Structure formats: C-alpha cells, structure tokens
Amino acid sequence: MREALNKEKLKAVYDRVARRYDSQHSFLTARSDQRGRIILVDKAVGPGDKVLDCGAGTGSTALLAARKIGTSGKIVLLDMSDGMLTVAREKVMQAGLNEGVEFKTGDMLDLPFKDSTFDVVLSTYSMCPLHDPTKGATELYRVVRPGGRIGVAHSTEPETRLVRWLADKIESVVWLIPSISLGCRSVSVLPTLEKAGCKIIFKRHIGIPWWPFLVFVVEKPAT
C-alpha cells in the first residue's frame, strides 16, 4: 500500500478540486463510481433510516440515500473538506432535499458521534485516502447500532497479476499529481469488520480492470 498523504495536504487537495470532483472522478472511473453508490444505497438503506454518509464529499451518495429514506429519515453528511461540503449543500438545496439533512465537518478517524447512533453508515471512496483505513472501519462499526448496516465502496487490487503490474505503473505516475490521484490507493477493511463479528450481506467487485472497486454491505451483530 502506498503511503497516505498527510491530513493537511489531503484536505487542501479536496478543497481545491471540490468544484470538479464529480466530473473528474466519474471520468477516471468510467462512471463506475456512481454505480457503486447506487448499489450501496439500494442494498443498505431503507425508508426511515438514520444514515451517516462518512466522507460524504460532494454529496452524491447522500442524495441517493436522502431520496430512499424519505421524510421520516435523517442523514448526516460528514467530511473533512469544507469545500466539498459546500458543493454538497448546493446540490442538496437544488434537489429540494433539505429536510432531515445535516452537514458536519469532521475526521473519519475520530467521528464526533456517540456509539450506536445510526441505523446505516456509508463510506463511498472515502476509505482509500485515509492513513489508517482499519481505524476508519472501526469508527464506522462503533457509531452504527447493533443490527445496523455498514456499506462501503473502496479501491482494491486488480484480480490478475498482469493488470496489477500495469495498474502499479499507471498509479506511480498519477501519484505524483495529488489533484488527480486524490490520495486514493487500494485498501482492505472488510477483514476488520468480519473480525468484529459483522455478517456479509452483499459483496461485489466493479469498475475498470486497472482501477477496480470492492463494494460491500455488512450487518453489525445484534447483540
């Protein structure tokens, strides 16, 4: 795994690219990023749920979730980048989904919520830049209620050796330009959640061969 960018640099990068993040990430992933969001919301979120979108970015996942939970639900968008949250606020307002939506600046590695606060916790492409993805997964587990669901999409290793070699060569170049790489690299957090007792209820690999994503939903033990 490549060494993560430090928190201050990462925040500056996302503040800087906030206005173009949606189009840039969509282009670089051949739109598989949005596919992953749609899958997670479909599999993890239900009407009336209290949802945390952790590392919410520009709110693309939250908009899908807000429509799914309806007026009886609630969703909190948390991100370290005020620039990204500004774009998210604008998108939520334009969609007319303000009711039951809250925005909060915060750190995924130290979530400002009590244990067992949410029915559902989502993380779409926000684990990849963390310097400690395992700690991030542990925080998601902590704030979801027993019996609740955790939905995650993150970059993962290509399946074949040749494609992994090619991906590494491409990433070596892209990594030199943080505003393009966005500090993203392959991570692995599902084993941490399984070790904590979570049950896998959905798991799928999606995306382009040299930049695949793992999309999964797990359920926290009820007791």
Protein backbone atom coordinates (compact mmCIF):
# COMPACT_ATOMS: atom_id res chain seq x y z
CA MET A 1 0.00 0.00 0.00
CA ARG A 2 1.31 3.45 -0.88
CA GLU A 3 1.91 5.86 1.98
CA ALA A 4 -1.11 8.12 2.51
CA LEU A 5 -0.96 11.88 2.11
CA ASN A 6 -0.93 13.73 5.42
CA LYS A 7 -4.24 15.09 6.66
CA GLU A 8 -3.49 18.76 5.97
CA LYS A 9 -2.38 18.13 2.40
CA LEU A 10 -5.32 15.83 1.76
CA LYS A 11 -7.79 18.45 3.00
CA ALA A 12 -6.17 21.10 0.80
CA VAL A 13 -6.36 18.83 -2.25
CA TYR A 14 -10.07 18.13 -1.78
CA ASP A 15 -10.87 21.78 -1.09
CA ARG A 16 -9.10 22.67 -4.33
CA VAL A 17 -10.79 20.08 -6.55
CA ALA A 18 -14.28 20.28 -5.00
CA ARG A 19 -15.90 22.01 -7.98
CA ARG A 20 -14.58 19.48 -10.46
CA TYR A 21 -14.55 16.38 -8.28
CA ASP A 22 -17.75 14.85 -9.65
CA SER A 23 -16.76 15.10 -13.31
CA GLN A 24 -13.11 14.15 -12.67
CA HIS A 25 -13.85 11.05 -10.58
CA SER A 26 -16.60 9.96 -12.94
CA PHE A 27 -14.28 10.25 -15.95
CA LEU A 28 -11.34 8.44 -14.34
CA THR A 29 -13.55 5.56 -13.18
CA ALA A 30 -15.64 5.32 -16.36
CA ARG A 31 -18.69 6.17 -14.22
CA SER A 32 -18.31 3.06 -12.10
CA ASP A 33 -18.10 5.32 -9.02
CA GLN A 34 -21.77 6.24 -9.34
CA ARG A 35 -22.66 2.62 -10.00
CA GLY A 36 -21.09 1.72 -6.67
CA ARG A 37 -23.08 4.42 -4.87
CA ILE A 38 -26.34 3.23 -6.39
CA ILE A 39 -25.62 -0.37 -5.41
CA LEU A 40 -24.76 0.52 -1.81
CA VAL A 41 -27.82 2.68 -1.24
CA ASP A 42 -30.04 0.03 -2.81
CA LYS A 43 -28.59 -2.73 -0.60
CA ALA A 44 -28.04 -0.87 2.68
CA VAL A 45 -30.58 1.95 3.07
CA GLY A 46 -34.29 1.74 3.82
CA PRO A 47 -37.18 4.17 4.39
CA GLY A 48 -36.96 5.99 7.71
CA ASP A 49 -33.33 5.10 8.36
CA LYS A 50 -30.96 7.40 10.24
CA VAL A 51 -27.89 7.45 7.98
CA LEU A 52 -24.33 8.73 8.25
CA ASP A 53 -22.57 9.39 4.95
CA CYS A 54 -18.97 9.27 6.17
CA GLY A 55 -16.55 11.13 3.92
CA ALA A 56 -19.58 12.44 2.08
CA GLY A 57 -17.65 14.64 -0.34
CA THR A 58 -19.96 16.44 -2.75
CA GLY A 59 -23.00 14.54 -1.56
CA SER A 60 -23.55 12.19 -4.50
CA THR A 61 -24.21 9.21 -2.23
CA ALA A 62 -26.20 11.26 0.26
CA LEU A 63 -28.60 12.47 -2.43
CA LEU A 64 -29.42 8.87 -3.33
CA ALA A 65 -29.84 7.95 0.32
CA ALA A 66 -31.98 11.01 1.09
CA ARG A 67 -34.45 10.00 -1.59
CA LYS A 68 -34.54 6.45 -0.23
CA ILE A 69 -35.09 7.31 3.45
CA GLY A 70 -37.90 9.77 2.73
CA THR A 71 -39.17 12.47 5.06
CA SER A 72 -39.23 10.13 8.06
CA GLY A 73 -35.49 9.50 7.88
CA LYS A 74 -32.41 11.56 8.61
CA ILE A 75 -28.99 11.78 7.02
CA VAL A 76 -25.77 13.39 8.23
CA LEU A 77 -23.05 14.26 5.71
CA LEU A 78 -19.60 14.30 7.33
CA ASP A 79 -16.39 15.32 5.57
CA MET A 80 -13.06 16.90 6.50
CA SER A 81 -13.25 19.25 3.49
CA ASP A 82 -15.44 22.32 3.82
CA GLY A 83 -15.01 22.88 0.09
CA MET A 84 -16.58 19.51 -0.71
CA LEU A 85 -19.40 20.08 1.81
CA THR A 86 -20.15 23.47 0.25
CA VAL A 87 -20.79 21.74 -3.08
CA ALA A 88 -22.86 19.08 -1.28
CA ARG A 89 -25.05 21.74 0.33
CA GLU A 90 -25.70 23.34 -3.04
CA LYS A 91 -26.67 20.00 -4.60
CA VAL A 92 -29.00 19.14 -1.73
CA MET A 93 -30.69 22.55 -1.97
CA GLN A 94 -31.09 22.25 -5.73
CA ALA A 95 -32.67 18.83 -5.27
CA GLY A 96 -35.09 20.18 -2.66
CA LEU A 97 -33.99 17.59 -0.10
CA ASN A 98 -33.06 19.90 2.79
CA GLU A 99 -35.44 18.36 5.32
CA GLY A 100 -33.72 15.83 7.56
CA VAL A 101 -30.26 16.58 6.13
CA GLU A 102 -27.36 17.76 8.31
CA PHE A 103 -23.79 18.72 7.40
CA LYS A 104 -20.80 18.31 9.69
CA THR A 105 -17.07 18.88 9.27
CA GLY A 106 -15.14 16.08 10.93
CA ASP A 107 -12.48 13.38 10.86
CA MET A 108 -13.39 9.81 9.83
CA LEU A 109 -10.76 8.53 12.24
CA ASP A 110 -12.40 10.26 15.20
CA LEU A 111 -16.11 10.52 14.47
CA PRO A 112 -17.94 13.11 16.61
CA PHE A 113 -20.86 10.80 17.41
CA LYS A 114 -21.80 8.52 20.28
CA ASP A 115 -21.74 4.74 19.95
CA SER A 116 -24.67 3.12 18.11
CA THR A 117 -26.06 6.42 16.78
CA PHE A 118 -27.02 5.38 13.23
CA ASP A 119 -29.06 2.69 11.50
CA VAL A 120 -26.78 2.82 8.46
CA VAL A 121 -23.25 4.12 7.90
CA LEU A 122 -21.94 4.60 4.36
CA SER A 123 -18.44 5.24 3.04
CA THR A 124 -18.03 5.60 -0.70
CA TYR A 125 -14.42 6.07 -1.84
CA SER A 126 -13.52 7.81 1.42
CA MET A 127 -11.54 4.94 2.98
CA CYS A 128 -8.98 4.96 0.18
CA PRO A 129 -7.13 8.18 1.20
CA LEU A 130 -7.08 7.50 4.97
CA HIS A 131 -3.68 6.93 6.56
CA ASP A 132 -5.32 4.32 8.83
CA PRO A 133 -8.23 2.64 6.98
CA THR A 134 -8.53 -0.01 9.72
CA LYS A 135 -9.22 2.71 12.30
CA GLY A 136 -11.74 4.22 9.90
CA ALA A 137 -13.59 0.91 9.64
CA THR A 138 -13.56 0.56 13.42
CA GLU A 139 -15.15 4.00 13.75
CA LEU A 140 -17.90 3.07 11.28
CA TYR A 141 -18.57 -0.04 13.37
CA ARG A 142 -18.68 1.97 16.59
CA VAL A 143 -21.30 4.50 15.50
CA VAL A 144 -23.73 2.08 13.81
CA ARG A 145 -26.33 0.45 16.06
CA PRO A 146 -26.39 -3.31 16.75
CA GLY A 147 -28.20 -4.91 13.83
CA GLY A 148 -27.43 -1.88 11.66
CA ARG A 149 -25.69 -1.90 8.29
CA ILE A 150 -22.32 -0.63 7.08
CA GLY A 151 -21.94 -0.03 3.34
CA VAL A 152 -18.50 0.61 1.85
CA ALA A 153 -17.03 1.09 -1.61
CA HIS A 154 -13.27 1.46 -1.93
CA SER A 155 -10.39 0.90 -4.33
CA THR A 156 -8.99 -2.61 -4.34
CA GLU A 157 -6.24 -4.58 -6.05
CA PRO A 158 -6.84 -5.78 -9.64
CA GLU A 159 -7.52 -9.51 -9.75
CA THR A 160 -4.82 -10.62 -12.20
CA ARG A 161 -1.06 -10.28 -11.82
CA LEU A 162 -0.53 -8.60 -15.20
CA VAL A 163 -3.22 -5.98 -14.58
CA ARG A 164 -1.84 -5.34 -11.08
CA TRP A 165 1.57 -4.67 -12.64
CA LEU A 166 0.03 -2.30 -15.20
CA ALA A 167 -2.06 -0.55 -12.55
CA ASP A 168 1.01 0.00 -10.38
CA LYS A 169 2.86 1.63 -13.28
CA ILE A 170 -0.07 3.93 -14.01
CA GLU A 171 -0.54 4.77 -10.35
CA SER A 172 3.17 5.59 -9.95
CA VAL A 173 2.71 8.42 -12.42
CA VAL A 174 -0.71 9.58 -11.22
CA TRP A 175 0.50 9.57 -7.60
CA LEU A 176 2.87 12.41 -8.47
CA ILE A 177 -0.16 14.66 -9.06
CA PRO A 178 -2.28 14.70 -5.87
CA SER A 179 -5.05 16.72 -7.51
CA ILE A 180 -5.54 13.78 -9.89
CA SER A 181 -4.83 10.82 -7.59
CA LEU A 182 -6.77 12.45 -4.71
CA GLY A 183 -4.61 10.40 -2.39
CA CYS A 184 -6.57 7.25 -3.27
CA ARG A 185 -4.96 3.82 -3.12
CA SER A 186 -6.02 0.24 -2.66
CA VAL A 187 -7.13 -0.60 0.88
CA SER A 188 -8.64 -3.59 2.71
CA VAL A 189 -11.12 -3.08 5.55
CA LEU A 190 -13.63 -5.92 5.20
CA PRO A 191 -11.47 -8.32 7.29
CA THR A 192 -11.56 -5.83 10.18
CA LEU A 193 -15.35 -5.72 10.12
CA GLU A 194 -15.63 -9.50 9.79
CA LYS A 195 -13.30 -9.95 12.77
CA ALA A 196 -15.60 -7.67 14.76
CA GLY A 197 -18.44 -10.07 14.03
CA CYS A 198 -20.14 -8.42 11.07
CA LYS A 199 -22.04 -10.61 8.64
CA ILE A 200 -21.57 -10.01 4.91
CA ILE A 201 -24.93 -9.45 3.22
CA PHE A 202 -23.58 -8.21 -0.12
CA LYS A 203 -20.18 -8.14 -1.84
CA ARG A 204 -19.19 -7.36 -5.42
CA HIS A 205 -16.19 -6.14 -7.45
CA ILE A 206 -16.97 -3.44 -10.02
CA GLY A 207 -15.11 -0.91 -12.13
CA ILE A 208 -12.43 -0.78 -14.80
CA PRO A 209 -9.75 -3.52 -14.71
CA TRP A 210 -6.85 -1.31 -13.62
CA TRP A 211 -8.90 0.64 -11.04
CA PRO A 212 -11.46 -1.77 -9.55
CA PHE A 213 -13.66 -1.15 -6.53
CA LEU A 214 -14.90 -3.51 -3.85
CA VAL A 215 -18.50 -2.77 -2.88
CA PHE A 216 -19.88 -4.47 0.21
CA VAL A 217 -22.58 -4.26 2.87
CA VAL A 218 -22.24 -5.88 6.28
CA GLU A 219 -24.56 -6.14 9.27
CA LYS A 220 -23.34 -5.43 12.79
CA PRO A 221 -24.15 -8.16 15.31
CA ALA A 222 -27.47 -7.52 17.03
CA THR A 223 -26.00 -8.19 20.47
